[in-house]
N, C-alpha and C. Protein backbone atom coordinates (compact mmCIF):
# COMPACT_ATOMS: atom_id res chain seq x y z
N MET A 1 160.61 27.66 -53.75
CA MET A 1 159.96 26.67 -54.61
C MET A 1 160.45 26.80 -56.05
N MET A 2 160.69 28.04 -56.52
CA MET A 2 161.21 28.21 -57.87
C MET A 2 162.59 27.56 -58.00
N ASN A 3 163.43 27.73 -56.97
CA ASN A 3 164.74 27.06 -56.97
C ASN A 3 164.56 25.55 -57.03
N THR A 4 163.60 25.07 -56.25
CA THR A 4 163.35 23.62 -56.20
C THR A 4 162.93 23.10 -57.57
N LEU A 5 162.03 23.81 -58.23
CA LEU A 5 161.58 23.37 -59.56
C LEU A 5 162.73 23.40 -60.57
N ALA A 6 163.64 24.36 -60.41
CA ALA A 6 164.83 24.38 -61.27
C ALA A 6 165.74 23.21 -60.95
N ASN A 7 165.87 22.87 -59.68
CA ASN A 7 166.71 21.73 -59.29
C ASN A 7 166.20 20.43 -59.89
N HIS A 8 164.88 20.34 -60.10
CA HIS A 8 164.29 19.13 -60.67
C HIS A 8 164.18 19.19 -62.20
N GLY A 9 164.53 20.32 -62.79
CA GLY A 9 164.47 20.45 -64.23
C GLY A 9 163.13 20.90 -64.78
N PHE A 10 162.19 21.22 -63.90
CA PHE A 10 160.91 21.76 -64.39
C PHE A 10 161.09 23.19 -64.91
N LEU A 11 162.06 23.89 -64.38
CA LEU A 11 162.51 25.18 -64.88
C LEU A 11 163.97 25.05 -65.28
N PRO A 12 164.50 25.94 -66.13
CA PRO A 12 165.90 25.83 -66.54
C PRO A 12 166.84 25.78 -65.34
N HIS A 13 167.81 24.89 -65.38
CA HIS A 13 168.75 24.73 -64.27
C HIS A 13 169.51 26.01 -63.97
N ASP A 14 169.80 26.79 -65.01
CA ASP A 14 170.57 28.02 -64.78
C ASP A 14 169.69 29.17 -64.30
N GLY A 15 168.38 28.97 -64.25
CA GLY A 15 167.49 30.00 -63.75
C GLY A 15 167.38 31.22 -64.63
N LYS A 16 167.75 31.11 -65.90
CA LYS A 16 167.78 32.25 -66.79
C LYS A 16 166.56 32.29 -67.72
N ASN A 17 166.21 33.51 -68.11
CA ASN A 17 165.21 33.75 -69.16
C ASN A 17 163.91 32.99 -68.91
N LEU A 18 163.32 33.26 -67.74
CA LEU A 18 162.06 32.60 -67.39
C LEU A 18 160.91 33.41 -67.99
N THR A 19 160.46 32.99 -69.14
CA THR A 19 159.33 33.63 -69.81
C THR A 19 158.03 33.06 -69.28
N ARG A 20 156.93 33.67 -69.68
CA ARG A 20 155.63 33.19 -69.23
C ARG A 20 155.42 31.73 -69.61
N ASP A 21 155.71 31.37 -70.85
CA ASP A 21 155.48 30.00 -71.30
C ASP A 21 156.31 29.00 -70.50
N VAL A 22 157.56 29.38 -70.21
CA VAL A 22 158.44 28.50 -69.44
C VAL A 22 157.91 28.30 -68.02
N VAL A 23 157.48 29.39 -67.41
CA VAL A 23 157.00 29.32 -66.03
C VAL A 23 155.67 28.58 -65.94
N VAL A 24 154.77 28.84 -66.88
CA VAL A 24 153.48 28.14 -66.89
C VAL A 24 153.70 26.63 -67.01
N LYS A 25 154.58 26.23 -67.92
CA LYS A 25 154.84 24.80 -68.09
C LYS A 25 155.53 24.21 -66.86
N GLY A 26 156.49 24.95 -66.30
CA GLY A 26 157.24 24.44 -65.16
C GLY A 26 156.38 24.22 -63.93
N LEU A 27 155.54 25.20 -63.59
CA LEU A 27 154.69 25.05 -62.41
C LEU A 27 153.54 24.10 -62.68
N GLY A 28 153.14 23.99 -63.95
CA GLY A 28 152.11 23.02 -64.29
C GLY A 28 152.62 21.60 -64.18
N ASP A 29 153.79 21.36 -64.78
CA ASP A 29 154.37 20.00 -64.75
C ASP A 29 154.80 19.61 -63.34
N GLY A 30 155.35 20.57 -62.59
CA GLY A 30 155.89 20.24 -61.28
C GLY A 30 154.86 20.17 -60.18
N LEU A 31 153.85 21.06 -60.22
CA LEU A 31 152.91 21.17 -59.11
C LEU A 31 151.44 21.11 -59.53
N ASN A 32 151.18 21.00 -60.83
CA ASN A 32 149.82 20.96 -61.37
C ASN A 32 149.07 22.27 -61.11
N PHE A 33 149.79 23.40 -61.22
CA PHE A 33 149.16 24.71 -61.10
C PHE A 33 148.46 25.06 -62.41
N ALA A 34 147.28 25.62 -62.30
CA ALA A 34 146.52 26.03 -63.48
C ALA A 34 147.22 27.17 -64.19
N PRO A 35 147.20 27.20 -65.52
CA PRO A 35 147.86 28.29 -66.27
C PRO A 35 147.40 29.67 -65.84
N ALA A 36 146.11 29.85 -65.57
CA ALA A 36 145.62 31.18 -65.17
C ALA A 36 146.24 31.62 -63.85
N LEU A 37 146.44 30.69 -62.92
CA LEU A 37 147.07 31.01 -61.65
C LEU A 37 148.54 31.38 -61.85
N VAL A 38 149.23 30.59 -62.65
CA VAL A 38 150.66 30.86 -62.90
C VAL A 38 150.83 32.19 -63.61
N ASP A 39 149.92 32.53 -64.47
CA ASP A 39 150.02 33.79 -65.18
C ASP A 39 149.98 34.97 -64.21
N ILE A 40 149.12 34.90 -63.20
CA ILE A 40 149.08 35.95 -62.18
C ILE A 40 150.41 36.02 -61.43
N MET A 41 150.94 34.87 -61.04
CA MET A 41 152.20 34.82 -60.32
C MET A 41 153.34 35.37 -61.18
N PHE A 42 153.30 35.05 -62.46
CA PHE A 42 154.34 35.52 -63.37
C PHE A 42 154.31 37.05 -63.47
N GLN A 43 153.13 37.61 -63.58
CA GLN A 43 153.01 39.06 -63.67
C GLN A 43 153.50 39.74 -62.40
N GLN A 44 153.30 39.10 -61.26
CA GLN A 44 153.80 39.65 -59.99
C GLN A 44 155.32 39.60 -59.91
N ALA A 45 155.92 38.65 -60.60
CA ALA A 45 157.37 38.49 -60.53
C ALA A 45 158.11 39.39 -61.53
N LEU A 46 157.46 39.83 -62.58
CA LEU A 46 158.14 40.63 -63.62
C LEU A 46 158.83 41.88 -63.07
N PRO A 47 158.27 42.61 -62.07
CA PRO A 47 158.97 43.79 -61.57
C PRO A 47 160.35 43.50 -60.98
N ALA A 48 160.65 42.24 -60.70
CA ALA A 48 161.98 41.90 -60.20
C ALA A 48 163.04 42.12 -61.27
N ASN A 49 162.64 42.10 -62.54
CA ASN A 49 163.56 42.40 -63.64
C ASN A 49 163.61 43.91 -63.80
N PRO A 50 164.78 44.53 -63.59
CA PRO A 50 164.85 46.00 -63.64
C PRO A 50 164.72 46.58 -65.04
N LEU A 51 164.79 45.75 -66.08
CA LEU A 51 164.66 46.27 -67.44
C LEU A 51 163.24 46.74 -67.71
N PRO A 52 163.06 47.86 -68.38
CA PRO A 52 161.71 48.34 -68.68
C PRO A 52 161.00 47.41 -69.65
N ASN A 53 159.71 47.19 -69.41
CA ASN A 53 158.87 46.37 -70.28
C ASN A 53 159.40 44.94 -70.43
N ALA A 54 160.01 44.43 -69.39
CA ALA A 54 160.57 43.08 -69.45
C ALA A 54 159.45 42.04 -69.61
N THR A 55 159.75 40.99 -70.34
CA THR A 55 158.81 39.89 -70.52
C THR A 55 159.36 38.58 -69.95
N TRP A 56 160.39 38.68 -69.15
CA TRP A 56 161.04 37.52 -68.54
C TRP A 56 161.77 37.98 -67.28
N PHE A 57 162.19 37.03 -66.47
CA PHE A 57 163.03 37.34 -65.31
C PHE A 57 163.96 36.16 -65.06
N ASP A 58 165.01 36.40 -64.30
CA ASP A 58 165.93 35.36 -63.86
C ASP A 58 165.67 35.05 -62.39
N LEU A 59 165.99 33.83 -61.97
CA LEU A 59 165.79 33.49 -60.57
C LEU A 59 166.58 34.41 -59.65
N ASP A 60 167.80 34.77 -60.04
CA ASP A 60 168.61 35.65 -59.20
C ASP A 60 167.93 36.99 -58.97
N GLN A 61 167.16 37.46 -59.93
CA GLN A 61 166.50 38.76 -59.79
C GLN A 61 165.42 38.72 -58.72
N LEU A 62 164.89 37.55 -58.42
CA LEU A 62 163.89 37.44 -57.37
C LEU A 62 164.47 37.73 -55.99
N ASN A 63 165.82 37.76 -55.90
CA ASN A 63 166.48 38.04 -54.62
C ASN A 63 166.62 39.53 -54.34
N ARG A 64 166.21 40.38 -55.27
CA ARG A 64 166.32 41.83 -55.03
C ARG A 64 165.50 42.20 -53.80
N HIS A 65 166.15 42.85 -52.86
CA HIS A 65 165.53 43.10 -51.56
C HIS A 65 164.37 44.08 -51.69
N ASN A 66 163.29 43.73 -51.00
CA ASN A 66 162.08 44.55 -50.92
C ASN A 66 161.38 44.76 -52.27
N VAL A 67 161.59 43.83 -53.20
CA VAL A 67 160.75 43.76 -54.39
C VAL A 67 159.75 42.62 -54.14
N LEU A 68 160.22 41.38 -54.22
CA LEU A 68 159.45 40.24 -53.73
C LEU A 68 160.09 39.68 -52.46
N GLU A 69 161.41 39.56 -52.48
CA GLU A 69 162.16 39.10 -51.30
C GLU A 69 162.00 40.11 -50.18
N HIS A 70 161.92 39.62 -48.94
CA HIS A 70 161.63 40.53 -47.83
C HIS A 70 162.26 40.03 -46.54
N ASP A 71 162.23 40.90 -45.53
CA ASP A 71 162.73 40.54 -44.21
C ASP A 71 161.84 39.49 -43.56
N ALA A 72 162.37 38.85 -42.52
CA ALA A 72 161.63 37.89 -41.69
C ALA A 72 161.25 36.62 -42.42
N SER A 73 162.11 36.15 -43.31
CA SER A 73 161.88 34.87 -43.98
C SER A 73 161.95 33.73 -42.96
N LEU A 74 161.24 32.65 -43.25
CA LEU A 74 161.29 31.47 -42.38
C LEU A 74 162.58 30.69 -42.53
N SER A 75 163.34 30.93 -43.62
CA SER A 75 164.52 30.10 -43.86
C SER A 75 165.73 30.87 -44.37
N ARG A 76 165.62 32.20 -44.47
CA ARG A 76 166.73 33.02 -44.95
C ARG A 76 166.96 34.16 -43.96
N THR A 77 168.20 34.63 -43.90
CA THR A 77 168.48 35.77 -43.04
C THR A 77 168.06 37.06 -43.72
N ASP A 78 167.87 38.11 -42.95
CA ASP A 78 167.55 39.41 -43.52
C ASP A 78 168.73 39.93 -44.33
N ALA A 79 168.44 40.68 -45.39
CA ALA A 79 169.49 41.22 -46.24
C ALA A 79 170.48 42.08 -45.44
N TYR A 80 170.01 42.74 -44.40
CA TYR A 80 170.87 43.59 -43.58
C TYR A 80 172.03 42.80 -42.98
N PHE A 81 171.79 41.52 -42.68
CA PHE A 81 172.79 40.70 -42.00
C PHE A 81 173.68 39.90 -42.95
N GLY A 82 173.41 39.97 -44.27
CA GLY A 82 174.26 39.23 -45.20
C GLY A 82 173.47 38.62 -46.34
N ASN A 83 173.88 37.43 -46.74
CA ASN A 83 173.28 36.75 -47.89
C ASN A 83 171.84 36.37 -47.58
N ASN A 84 170.93 36.97 -48.33
CA ASN A 84 169.50 36.79 -48.05
C ASN A 84 168.84 35.74 -48.95
N HIS A 85 169.62 35.03 -49.77
CA HIS A 85 168.96 34.12 -50.72
C HIS A 85 169.45 32.68 -50.64
N ILE A 86 170.23 32.35 -49.62
CA ILE A 86 170.60 30.95 -49.44
C ILE A 86 169.99 30.44 -48.14
N PHE A 87 169.73 29.15 -48.10
CA PHE A 87 169.14 28.53 -46.92
C PHE A 87 170.02 28.75 -45.70
N ASN A 88 169.40 29.13 -44.58
CA ASN A 88 170.10 29.37 -43.33
C ASN A 88 169.54 28.43 -42.27
N GLN A 89 170.34 27.46 -41.86
CA GLN A 89 169.85 26.44 -40.94
C GLN A 89 169.44 27.03 -39.60
N THR A 90 170.18 28.01 -39.12
CA THR A 90 169.85 28.62 -37.82
C THR A 90 168.49 29.30 -37.87
N ILE A 91 168.26 30.07 -38.93
CA ILE A 91 166.96 30.74 -39.09
C ILE A 91 165.84 29.70 -39.18
N PHE A 92 166.07 28.67 -39.98
CA PHE A 92 165.03 27.67 -40.16
C PHE A 92 164.73 26.94 -38.86
N ASP A 93 165.77 26.66 -38.07
CA ASP A 93 165.55 26.00 -36.78
C ASP A 93 164.70 26.86 -35.86
N GLU A 94 164.89 28.18 -35.93
CA GLU A 94 164.06 29.09 -35.13
C GLU A 94 162.60 29.03 -35.58
N SER A 95 162.41 28.89 -36.88
CA SER A 95 161.04 28.84 -37.41
C SER A 95 160.35 27.53 -37.06
N ARG A 96 161.03 26.43 -37.26
CA ARG A 96 160.35 25.15 -37.11
C ARG A 96 160.15 24.73 -35.65
N ARG A 97 160.74 25.46 -34.72
CA ARG A 97 160.48 25.13 -33.32
C ARG A 97 159.04 25.47 -32.93
N TRP A 98 158.35 26.22 -33.80
CA TRP A 98 156.95 26.53 -33.57
C TRP A 98 156.04 25.48 -34.20
N TRP A 99 156.64 24.43 -34.75
CA TRP A 99 155.87 23.32 -35.33
C TRP A 99 156.04 22.11 -34.42
N PRO A 100 155.30 22.03 -33.34
CA PRO A 100 155.57 21.02 -32.31
C PRO A 100 155.09 19.61 -32.63
N ASP A 101 154.24 19.47 -33.62
CA ASP A 101 153.62 18.17 -33.89
C ASP A 101 154.04 17.63 -35.26
N GLU A 102 153.70 16.38 -35.51
CA GLU A 102 154.04 15.76 -36.78
C GLU A 102 153.27 16.37 -37.94
N VAL A 103 152.14 16.97 -37.64
CA VAL A 103 151.33 17.64 -38.64
C VAL A 103 151.35 19.15 -38.36
N ILE A 104 151.73 19.94 -39.35
CA ILE A 104 151.77 21.39 -39.22
C ILE A 104 150.39 21.95 -39.55
N THR A 105 149.90 22.83 -38.70
CA THR A 105 148.62 23.48 -38.93
C THR A 105 148.84 24.94 -39.35
N ALA A 106 147.75 25.60 -39.74
CA ALA A 106 147.84 27.02 -40.07
C ALA A 106 148.33 27.83 -38.87
N GLU A 107 147.90 27.44 -37.67
CA GLU A 107 148.33 28.15 -36.47
C GLU A 107 149.84 28.00 -36.25
N HIS A 108 150.37 26.81 -36.51
CA HIS A 108 151.81 26.59 -36.36
C HIS A 108 152.60 27.50 -37.30
N ILE A 109 152.21 27.49 -38.56
CA ILE A 109 152.90 28.33 -39.54
C ILE A 109 152.73 29.81 -39.18
N GLY A 110 151.52 30.18 -38.76
CA GLY A 110 151.28 31.56 -38.37
C GLY A 110 152.16 31.99 -37.21
N ASN A 111 152.32 31.11 -36.22
CA ASN A 111 153.17 31.43 -35.08
C ASN A 111 154.63 31.62 -35.50
N SER A 112 155.11 30.76 -36.39
CA SER A 112 156.50 30.89 -36.82
C SER A 112 156.71 32.16 -37.64
N LYS A 113 155.72 32.54 -38.44
CA LYS A 113 155.80 33.78 -39.20
C LYS A 113 155.87 34.98 -38.26
N LEU A 114 154.98 35.02 -37.26
CA LEU A 114 154.97 36.13 -36.32
C LEU A 114 156.27 36.19 -35.51
N ALA A 115 156.77 35.04 -35.10
CA ALA A 115 158.01 35.00 -34.33
C ALA A 115 159.18 35.55 -35.13
N ARG A 116 159.25 35.18 -36.40
CA ARG A 116 160.34 35.69 -37.24
C ARG A 116 160.21 37.20 -37.46
N GLN A 117 159.01 37.70 -37.62
CA GLN A 117 158.82 39.13 -37.78
C GLN A 117 159.25 39.88 -36.52
N LEU A 118 158.89 39.35 -35.37
CA LEU A 118 159.26 40.00 -34.12
C LEU A 118 160.77 40.01 -33.95
N GLN A 119 161.41 38.87 -34.24
CA GLN A 119 162.86 38.81 -34.13
C GLN A 119 163.53 39.79 -35.08
N SER A 120 163.03 39.83 -36.32
CA SER A 120 163.61 40.72 -37.32
C SER A 120 163.44 42.18 -36.91
N LYS A 121 162.25 42.52 -36.46
CA LYS A 121 161.99 43.91 -36.07
C LYS A 121 162.86 44.31 -34.89
N ALA A 122 163.11 43.39 -33.97
CA ALA A 122 163.88 43.70 -32.77
C ALA A 122 165.38 43.80 -33.03
N THR A 123 165.88 43.16 -34.09
CA THR A 123 167.33 43.10 -34.29
C THR A 123 167.81 43.79 -35.56
N ASN A 124 166.93 44.01 -36.52
CA ASN A 124 167.33 44.58 -37.81
C ASN A 124 166.94 46.06 -37.84
N PRO A 125 167.92 46.97 -37.80
CA PRO A 125 167.59 48.40 -37.80
C PRO A 125 166.96 48.88 -39.11
N GLU A 126 167.04 48.06 -40.16
CA GLU A 126 166.44 48.42 -41.44
C GLU A 126 165.21 47.56 -41.75
N TYR A 127 164.64 46.99 -40.71
CA TYR A 127 163.46 46.13 -40.89
C TYR A 127 162.35 46.87 -41.64
N LYS A 128 161.79 46.18 -42.64
CA LYS A 128 160.70 46.74 -43.43
C LYS A 128 159.71 45.64 -43.75
N PHE A 129 158.43 45.92 -43.49
CA PHE A 129 157.39 44.93 -43.74
C PHE A 129 156.09 45.67 -44.01
N THR A 130 155.80 45.91 -45.28
CA THR A 130 154.66 46.71 -45.69
C THR A 130 153.41 45.84 -45.88
N ASN A 131 152.30 46.48 -46.18
CA ASN A 131 151.08 45.72 -46.49
C ASN A 131 151.29 44.79 -47.68
N THR A 132 152.03 45.27 -48.68
CA THR A 132 152.33 44.43 -49.84
C THR A 132 153.19 43.25 -49.43
N THR A 133 154.17 43.50 -48.57
CA THR A 133 155.02 42.42 -48.07
C THR A 133 154.18 41.38 -47.34
N GLU A 134 153.23 41.84 -46.55
CA GLU A 134 152.37 40.91 -45.81
C GLU A 134 151.61 40.00 -46.77
N ALA A 135 151.09 40.57 -47.85
CA ALA A 135 150.35 39.76 -48.81
C ALA A 135 151.25 38.70 -49.44
N PHE A 136 152.47 39.09 -49.83
CA PHE A 136 153.40 38.13 -50.40
C PHE A 136 153.80 37.07 -49.36
N SER A 137 153.98 37.52 -48.12
CA SER A 137 154.38 36.60 -47.06
C SER A 137 153.32 35.54 -46.81
N ILE A 138 152.05 35.96 -46.80
CA ILE A 138 150.96 34.99 -46.65
C ILE A 138 150.96 34.02 -47.82
N GLY A 139 151.19 34.54 -49.02
CA GLY A 139 151.24 33.67 -50.20
C GLY A 139 152.36 32.65 -50.11
N GLU A 140 153.48 33.05 -49.53
CA GLU A 140 154.62 32.13 -49.41
C GLU A 140 154.34 31.01 -48.43
N ILE A 141 153.78 31.35 -47.27
CA ILE A 141 153.62 30.32 -46.25
C ILE A 141 152.48 29.35 -46.56
N LEU A 142 151.65 29.68 -47.55
CA LEU A 142 150.63 28.70 -47.93
C LEU A 142 151.17 27.66 -48.91
N ALA A 143 152.36 27.92 -49.48
CA ALA A 143 152.92 27.01 -50.48
C ALA A 143 153.05 25.57 -49.98
N PRO A 144 153.56 25.31 -48.76
CA PRO A 144 153.65 23.92 -48.31
C PRO A 144 152.30 23.22 -48.24
N PHE A 145 151.25 23.96 -47.85
CA PHE A 145 149.91 23.35 -47.77
C PHE A 145 149.39 23.04 -49.17
N ILE A 146 149.61 23.97 -50.10
CA ILE A 146 149.15 23.77 -51.47
C ILE A 146 149.89 22.62 -52.14
N ALA A 147 151.19 22.58 -51.99
CA ALA A 147 152.02 21.60 -52.71
C ALA A 147 152.02 20.22 -52.06
N PHE A 148 152.08 20.19 -50.72
CA PHE A 148 152.33 18.92 -50.04
C PHE A 148 151.23 18.49 -49.07
N GLY A 149 150.26 19.36 -48.81
CA GLY A 149 149.33 19.07 -47.74
C GLY A 149 147.88 19.01 -48.14
N ASN A 150 147.02 19.21 -47.15
CA ASN A 150 145.58 19.17 -47.32
C ASN A 150 145.06 20.61 -47.34
N VAL A 151 144.56 21.04 -48.46
CA VAL A 151 144.11 22.43 -48.60
C VAL A 151 142.83 22.66 -47.81
N GLU A 152 141.97 21.66 -47.74
CA GLU A 152 140.68 21.85 -47.09
C GLU A 152 140.81 22.16 -45.60
N ASP A 153 141.69 21.46 -44.89
CA ASP A 153 141.83 21.73 -43.46
C ASP A 153 143.16 22.40 -43.11
N ALA A 154 143.91 22.82 -44.12
CA ALA A 154 145.16 23.55 -43.90
C ALA A 154 146.10 22.81 -42.96
N THR A 155 146.47 21.59 -43.36
CA THR A 155 147.46 20.80 -42.62
C THR A 155 148.46 20.23 -43.60
N VAL A 156 149.65 19.92 -43.09
CA VAL A 156 150.67 19.32 -43.93
C VAL A 156 151.64 18.54 -43.04
N ASN A 157 152.15 17.45 -43.56
CA ASN A 157 153.11 16.63 -42.84
C ASN A 157 154.41 17.41 -42.63
N ARG A 158 154.84 17.53 -41.39
CA ARG A 158 156.03 18.32 -41.06
C ARG A 158 157.28 17.77 -41.74
N THR A 159 157.39 16.46 -41.85
CA THR A 159 158.57 15.85 -42.47
C THR A 159 158.72 16.30 -43.91
N LEU A 160 157.63 16.39 -44.65
CA LEU A 160 157.68 16.82 -46.04
C LEU A 160 158.17 18.26 -46.15
N VAL A 161 157.67 19.11 -45.25
CA VAL A 161 158.04 20.53 -45.29
C VAL A 161 159.51 20.71 -44.91
N GLU A 162 159.96 20.00 -43.90
CA GLU A 162 161.36 20.11 -43.49
C GLU A 162 162.29 19.63 -44.60
N TYR A 163 161.91 18.56 -45.27
CA TYR A 163 162.72 18.04 -46.38
C TYR A 163 162.80 19.07 -47.50
N PHE A 164 161.67 19.66 -47.83
CA PHE A 164 161.61 20.67 -48.90
C PHE A 164 162.51 21.86 -48.59
N PHE A 165 162.41 22.40 -47.39
CA PHE A 165 163.23 23.55 -47.02
C PHE A 165 164.71 23.20 -46.98
N THR A 166 165.04 22.09 -46.36
CA THR A 166 166.43 21.74 -46.13
C THR A 166 167.16 21.36 -47.41
N HIS A 167 166.50 20.63 -48.29
CA HIS A 167 167.16 20.11 -49.48
C HIS A 167 166.85 20.89 -50.75
N GLU A 168 165.87 21.79 -50.68
CA GLU A 168 165.38 22.50 -51.87
C GLU A 168 165.05 21.52 -53.00
N ARG A 169 164.35 20.47 -52.59
CA ARG A 169 163.88 19.46 -53.54
C ARG A 169 162.47 19.05 -53.15
N LEU A 170 161.69 18.62 -54.13
CA LEU A 170 160.38 18.07 -53.85
C LEU A 170 160.55 16.75 -53.10
N PRO A 171 159.72 16.45 -52.12
CA PRO A 171 159.94 15.28 -51.27
C PRO A 171 159.48 13.96 -51.89
N THR A 172 159.85 13.75 -53.13
CA THR A 172 159.49 12.49 -53.79
C THR A 172 160.15 11.30 -53.10
N ALA A 173 161.32 11.51 -52.53
CA ALA A 173 162.03 10.42 -51.83
C ALA A 173 161.25 9.95 -50.61
N LEU A 174 160.33 10.78 -50.12
CA LEU A 174 159.52 10.42 -48.95
C LEU A 174 158.13 9.94 -49.35
N GLY A 175 157.92 9.72 -50.65
CA GLY A 175 156.65 9.19 -51.12
C GLY A 175 155.68 10.21 -51.65
N TRP A 176 156.09 11.49 -51.65
CA TRP A 176 155.20 12.52 -52.17
C TRP A 176 155.10 12.43 -53.69
N SER A 177 153.95 12.78 -54.23
CA SER A 177 153.77 12.91 -55.66
C SER A 177 152.88 14.10 -55.96
N ARG A 178 152.96 14.63 -57.15
CA ARG A 178 152.18 15.79 -57.56
C ARG A 178 150.69 15.50 -57.43
N LYS A 179 149.94 16.48 -56.96
CA LYS A 179 148.51 16.30 -56.80
C LYS A 179 147.84 16.08 -58.14
N ALA A 180 146.84 15.21 -58.15
CA ALA A 180 146.12 14.92 -59.39
C ALA A 180 145.18 16.07 -59.76
N GLN A 181 144.68 16.77 -58.75
CA GLN A 181 143.73 17.86 -58.99
C GLN A 181 144.48 19.15 -59.29
N VAL A 182 144.05 19.86 -60.33
CA VAL A 182 144.67 21.12 -60.70
C VAL A 182 144.46 22.15 -59.60
N VAL A 183 145.51 22.90 -59.29
CA VAL A 183 145.45 23.96 -58.28
C VAL A 183 145.09 25.27 -58.98
N GLY A 184 143.99 25.87 -58.55
CA GLY A 184 143.52 27.11 -59.16
C GLY A 184 143.57 28.29 -58.22
N LEU A 185 143.19 29.44 -58.71
CA LEU A 185 143.23 30.67 -57.93
C LEU A 185 142.33 30.58 -56.71
N SER A 186 141.17 29.95 -56.84
CA SER A 186 140.26 29.85 -55.70
C SER A 186 140.88 29.09 -54.54
N ASP A 187 141.69 28.06 -54.84
CA ASP A 187 142.39 27.31 -53.79
C ASP A 187 143.33 28.23 -53.02
N ILE A 188 144.05 29.07 -53.76
CA ILE A 188 145.01 29.99 -53.15
C ILE A 188 144.28 31.01 -52.27
N LEU A 189 143.22 31.61 -52.80
CA LEU A 189 142.52 32.67 -52.08
C LEU A 189 141.85 32.14 -50.81
N ASP A 190 141.24 30.97 -50.90
CA ASP A 190 140.59 30.40 -49.71
C ASP A 190 141.61 30.10 -48.62
N LEU A 191 142.77 29.56 -49.01
CA LEU A 191 143.80 29.25 -48.02
C LEU A 191 144.45 30.52 -47.47
N MET A 192 144.52 31.56 -48.28
CA MET A 192 145.05 32.84 -47.79
C MET A 192 144.20 33.38 -46.65
N VAL A 193 142.89 33.21 -46.73
CA VAL A 193 142.02 33.65 -45.64
C VAL A 193 142.38 32.93 -44.35
N VAL A 194 142.52 31.62 -44.43
CA VAL A 194 142.84 30.82 -43.24
C VAL A 194 144.17 31.25 -42.65
N LEU A 195 145.19 31.41 -43.50
CA LEU A 195 146.53 31.72 -43.00
C LEU A 195 146.65 33.16 -42.54
N ALA A 196 145.91 34.07 -43.18
CA ALA A 196 145.93 35.46 -42.73
C ALA A 196 145.37 35.58 -41.33
N ASN A 197 144.28 34.88 -41.05
CA ASN A 197 143.70 34.91 -39.71
C ASN A 197 144.59 34.19 -38.70
N ALA A 198 145.25 33.13 -39.11
CA ALA A 198 146.15 32.40 -38.21
C ALA A 198 147.41 33.21 -37.91
N SER A 199 147.72 34.18 -38.75
CA SER A 199 148.92 35.00 -38.57
C SER A 199 148.62 36.32 -37.88
N SER A 200 147.44 36.46 -37.35
CA SER A 200 147.05 37.70 -36.66
C SER A 200 147.04 37.48 -35.16
N LEU A 201 147.44 38.51 -34.41
CA LEU A 201 147.40 38.45 -32.95
C LEU A 201 146.09 39.01 -32.40
N ILE A 202 145.18 39.41 -33.29
CA ILE A 202 143.89 39.94 -32.87
C ILE A 202 142.91 38.78 -32.69
N THR A 203 142.20 38.79 -31.59
CA THR A 203 141.20 37.76 -31.33
C THR A 203 139.82 38.38 -31.36
N GLY A 204 138.82 37.53 -31.52
CA GLY A 204 137.45 38.03 -31.56
C GLY A 204 136.52 36.97 -32.09
N SER A 205 135.24 37.29 -32.11
CA SER A 205 134.24 36.32 -32.53
C SER A 205 134.16 36.18 -34.04
N SER A 206 134.60 37.22 -34.77
CA SER A 206 134.58 37.16 -36.23
C SER A 206 135.99 37.24 -36.75
N PRO A 207 136.27 36.61 -37.89
CA PRO A 207 137.64 36.61 -38.42
C PRO A 207 138.08 37.99 -38.86
N LEU A 208 139.37 38.25 -38.70
CA LEU A 208 139.92 39.52 -39.14
C LEU A 208 139.84 39.64 -40.65
N PHE A 209 140.11 38.54 -41.34
CA PHE A 209 140.08 38.53 -42.80
C PHE A 209 138.97 37.60 -43.27
N SER A 210 138.28 38.00 -44.30
CA SER A 210 137.21 37.20 -44.87
C SER A 210 137.50 36.98 -46.34
N PRO A 211 136.83 36.00 -46.97
CA PRO A 211 137.06 35.81 -48.40
C PRO A 211 136.84 37.07 -49.22
N GLY A 212 135.86 37.88 -48.81
CA GLY A 212 135.57 39.09 -49.57
C GLY A 212 136.72 40.07 -49.59
N ASN A 213 137.28 40.41 -48.41
CA ASN A 213 138.33 41.42 -48.43
C ASN A 213 139.68 40.85 -48.85
N ILE A 214 139.89 39.56 -48.66
CA ILE A 214 141.11 38.96 -49.20
C ILE A 214 141.07 38.99 -50.72
N HIS A 215 139.95 38.60 -51.31
CA HIS A 215 139.81 38.59 -52.78
C HIS A 215 139.94 40.00 -53.33
N ALA A 216 139.33 40.96 -52.64
CA ALA A 216 139.41 42.35 -53.13
C ALA A 216 140.84 42.86 -53.06
N GLY A 217 141.55 42.48 -51.97
CA GLY A 217 142.94 42.92 -51.83
C GLY A 217 143.83 42.35 -52.90
N VAL A 218 143.65 41.07 -53.21
CA VAL A 218 144.44 40.43 -54.26
C VAL A 218 144.12 41.08 -55.61
């Protein structure tokens, strides 16, 4: 999504010197994210810059393996196998085959996430997926619902998501427009609960994750 916002000019095209003010404005203008939400995301991204006490980062630095970038991406190959930061059609085709309908649900995304993790674990001798990675991974897969879909019922038009992944552009050509309602932290946390439970292989009468422990974990 950061690459996409740079492609549209909401962030610098060269991906350099992304300060807090630049990122807050870019995600606000492009996706209507609340400044408080973007500030949290910005603080999470700063460790990607290896300089001590850094107050900015570059998009390329987000590709550092096992900082934010991780194995089992829905659209990128594992770093062990080569370039981990460019779109990989084969990987993406494996992911989207778990999206059988015109509307993607939380269960569909959850199934594709689990399938990619299983494939990565089975084939990558350096596979790594920690609790922190899981939290970031859940945050990543909720992005299509937040940006292009219905947050309340966790659904999104498959065509919009495929266009976004394939072209690294916002699907304005397909009629999409930025949401009028500001996206805040509560929207993210509530959807994380839904997607965390959809990404679990544990069944039962009560959800594995609840708003309380998701919020505490974040």
